[in-house]
């Protein structure tokens, strides 16, 4: 049996029913066709991740995105440094 997937918007709307409008998890869950336990887990996840929850598969947090970008920059700079070292050796040999 496949797990049903819910969109980020659906989850955030469900959470707002409980946190913003005062519904109980059970009542909100029943009206949306989900269990109160699932809704409770979504609320915990939302509160723990400070708005970064429900990113979806493969989506990175801003910190992860910055780390990836910085790693790519370091790799590029190392390649440039290696090219300059090789060029220095080549031109040093040419001038002799």
C-alpha atoms as a PDB file:
ATOM      1  CA  UNK A   1       0.000   0.000   0.000  1.00  0.00           C
ATOM      2  CA  UNK A   2       1.359   3.408  -0.956  1.00  0.00           C
ATOM      3  CA  UNK A   3       1.579   6.274   1.463  1.00  0.00           C
ATOM      4  CA  UNK A   4      -0.531   9.230   0.587  1.00  0.00           C
ATOM      5  CA  UNK A   5       1.481  12.391  -0.005  1.00  0.00           C
ATOM      6  CA  UNK A   6       0.275  15.818   0.990  1.00  0.00           C
ATOM      7  CA  UNK A   7       1.475  19.135  -0.375  1.00  0.00           C
ATOM      8  CA  UNK A   8       3.310  21.668   1.752  1.00  0.00           C
ATOM      9  CA  UNK A   9       0.362  24.051   1.414  1.00  0.00           C
ATOM     10  CA  UNK A  10      -2.087  21.408   2.650  1.00  0.00           C
ATOM     11  CA  UNK A  11       0.085  20.675   5.677  1.00  0.00           C
ATOM     12  CA  UNK A  12       0.513  24.359   6.524  1.00  0.00           C
ATOM     13  CA  UNK A  13      -3.236  24.959   6.173  1.00  0.00           C
ATOM     14  CA  UNK A  14      -3.930  22.002   8.462  1.00  0.00           C
ATOM     15  CA  UNK A  15      -1.459  23.314  11.022  1.00  0.00           C
ATOM     16  CA  UNK A  16      -3.030  26.771  10.916  1.00  0.00           C
ATOM     17  CA  UNK A  17      -6.414  25.257  11.790  1.00  0.00           C
ATOM     18  CA  UNK A  18      -4.951  24.014  15.061  1.00  0.00           C
ATOM     19  CA  UNK A  19      -2.488  26.773  15.918  1.00  0.00           C
ATOM     20  CA  UNK A  20      -4.309  29.753  14.467  1.00  0.00           C
ATOM     21  CA  UNK A  21      -7.989  28.943  14.673  1.00  0.00           C
ATOM     22  CA  UNK A  22      -8.156  26.895  17.856  1.00  0.00           C
ATOM     23  CA  UNK A  23      -9.371  23.575  16.452  1.00  0.00           C
ATOM     24  CA  UNK A  24      -8.252  20.428  18.221  1.00  0.00           C
ATOM     25  CA  UNK A  25      -5.962  18.128  16.271  1.00  0.00           C
ATOM     26  CA  UNK A  26      -8.684  15.494  16.234  1.00  0.00           C
ATOM     27  CA  UNK A  27     -11.385  17.844  14.918  1.00  0.00           C
ATOM     28  CA  UNK A  28      -9.110  19.387  12.302  1.00  0.00           C
ATOM     29  CA  UNK A  29      -7.912  15.943  11.243  1.00  0.00           C
ATOM     30  CA  UNK A  30     -11.434  14.594  10.865  1.00  0.00           C
ATOM     31  CA  UNK A  31     -12.528  17.549   8.738  1.00  0.00           C
ATOM     32  CA  UNK A  32      -9.479  17.099   6.492  1.00  0.00           C
ATOM     33  CA  UNK A  33      -9.629  13.314   6.317  1.00  0.00           C
ATOM     34  CA  UNK A  34      -6.373  12.685   8.185  1.00  0.00           C
ATOM     35  CA  UNK A  35      -5.619  11.374  11.649  1.00  0.00           C
ATOM     36  CA  UNK A  36      -4.931  13.623  14.607  1.00  0.00           C
ATOM     37  CA  UNK A  37      -1.610  11.812  15.064  1.00  0.00           C
ATOM     38  CA  UNK A  38      -0.405  12.799  11.618  1.00  0.00           C
ATOM     39  CA  UNK A  39      -1.472  16.376  12.224  1.00  0.00           C
ATOM     40  CA  UNK A  40       0.324  16.365  15.579  1.00  0.00           C
ATOM     41  CA  UNK A  41       3.504  15.133  13.894  1.00  0.00           C
ATOM     42  CA  UNK A  42       3.250  17.878  11.267  1.00  0.00           C
ATOM     43  CA  UNK A  43       2.850  20.499  14.009  1.00  0.00           C
ATOM     44  CA  UNK A  44       5.915  19.218  15.886  1.00  0.00           C
ATOM     45  CA  UNK A  45       7.948  19.128  12.684  1.00  0.00           C
ATOM     46  CA  UNK A  46       6.844  22.645  11.754  1.00  0.00           C
ATOM     47  CA  UNK A  47       7.700  24.068  15.163  1.00  0.00           C
ATOM     48  CA  UNK A  48      11.054  22.252  15.380  1.00  0.00           C
ATOM     49  CA  UNK A  49      12.272  23.261  11.913  1.00  0.00           C
ATOM     50  CA  UNK A  50      11.516  26.986  12.244  1.00  0.00           C
ATOM     51  CA  UNK A  51       9.638  27.291   8.957  1.00  0.00           C
ATOM     52  CA  UNK A  52      11.962  24.984   7.008  1.00  0.00           C
ATOM     53  CA  UNK A  53       9.682  21.971   7.351  1.00  0.00           C
ATOM     54  CA  UNK A  54       8.000  20.235   4.434  1.00  0.00           C
ATOM     55  CA  UNK A  55      10.677  21.177   1.905  1.00  0.00           C
ATOM     56  CA  UNK A  56      10.007  18.068  -0.161  1.00  0.00           C
ATOM     57  CA  UNK A  57      12.444  15.534  -1.495  1.00  0.00           C
ATOM     58  CA  UNK A  58      15.762  16.916  -2.631  1.00  0.00           C
ATOM     59  CA  UNK A  59      15.125  20.497  -1.582  1.00  0.00           C
ATOM     60  CA  UNK A  60      17.871  22.010   0.523  1.00  0.00           C
ATOM     61  CA  UNK A  61      17.721  24.380   3.447  1.00  0.00           C
ATOM     62  CA  UNK A  62      19.382  27.774   2.883  1.00  0.00           C
ATOM     63  CA  UNK A  63      22.365  26.597   4.961  1.00  0.00           C
ATOM     64  CA  UNK A  64      22.748  23.434   2.887  1.00  0.00           C
ATOM     65  CA  UNK A  65      22.455  25.491  -0.301  1.00  0.00           C
ATOM     66  CA  UNK A  66      25.205  27.855   0.884  1.00  0.00           C
ATOM     67  CA  UNK A  67      27.487  24.947   1.823  1.00  0.00           C
ATOM     68  CA  UNK A  68      27.006  23.404  -1.611  1.00  0.00           C
ATOM     69  CA  UNK A  69      27.783  26.729  -3.284  1.00  0.00           C
ATOM     70  CA  UNK A  70      30.872  27.315  -1.151  1.00  0.00           C
ATOM     71  CA  UNK A  71      32.159  23.786  -1.828  1.00  0.00           C
ATOM     72  CA  UNK A  72      31.816  24.392  -5.572  1.00  0.00           C
ATOM     73  CA  UNK A  73      33.675  27.697  -5.221  1.00  0.00           C
ATOM     74  CA  UNK A  74      36.500  26.038  -3.248  1.00  0.00           C
ATOM     75  CA  UNK A  75      36.829  23.338  -5.913  1.00  0.00           C
ATOM     76  CA  UNK A  76      36.994  25.951  -8.700  1.00  0.00           C
ATOM     77  CA  UNK A  77      39.604  28.003  -6.830  1.00  0.00           C
ATOM     78  CA  UNK A  78      41.745  24.909  -6.213  1.00  0.00           C
ATOM     79  CA  UNK A  79      41.651  24.102  -9.936  1.00  0.00           C
ATOM     80  CA  UNK A  80      42.661  27.674 -10.791  1.00  0.00           C
ATOM     81  CA  UNK A  81      45.545  27.498  -8.302  1.00  0.00           C
ATOM     82  CA  UNK A  82      46.757  24.211  -9.817  1.00  0.00           C
ATOM     83  CA  UNK A  83      46.645  25.734 -13.317  1.00  0.00           C
ATOM     84  CA  UNK A  84      48.707  28.713 -12.133  1.00  0.00           C
ATOM     85  CA  UNK A  85      51.281  26.393 -10.515  1.00  0.00           C
ATOM     86  CA  UNK A  86      51.651  24.428 -13.750  1.00  0.00           C
ATOM     87  CA  UNK A  87      51.932  27.627 -15.782  1.00  0.00           C
ATOM     88  CA  UNK A  88      54.636  28.929 -13.427  1.00  0.00           C
ATOM     89  CA  UNK A  89      56.643  25.727 -13.833  1.00  0.00           C
ATOM     90  CA  UNK A  90      56.207  25.825 -17.621  1.00  0.00           C
ATOM     91  CA  UNK A  91      57.320  29.446 -17.980  1.00  0.00           C
ATOM     92  CA  UNK A  92      60.233  28.962 -15.558  1.00  0.00           C
ATOM     93  CA  UNK A  93      61.491  26.121 -17.761  1.00  0.00           C
ATOM     94  CA  UNK A  94      61.049  28.217 -20.931  1.00  0.00           C
ATOM     95  CA  UNK A  95      63.174  31.085 -19.640  1.00  0.00           C
ATOM     96  CA  UNK A  96      66.201  28.862 -18.880  1.00  0.00           C
END
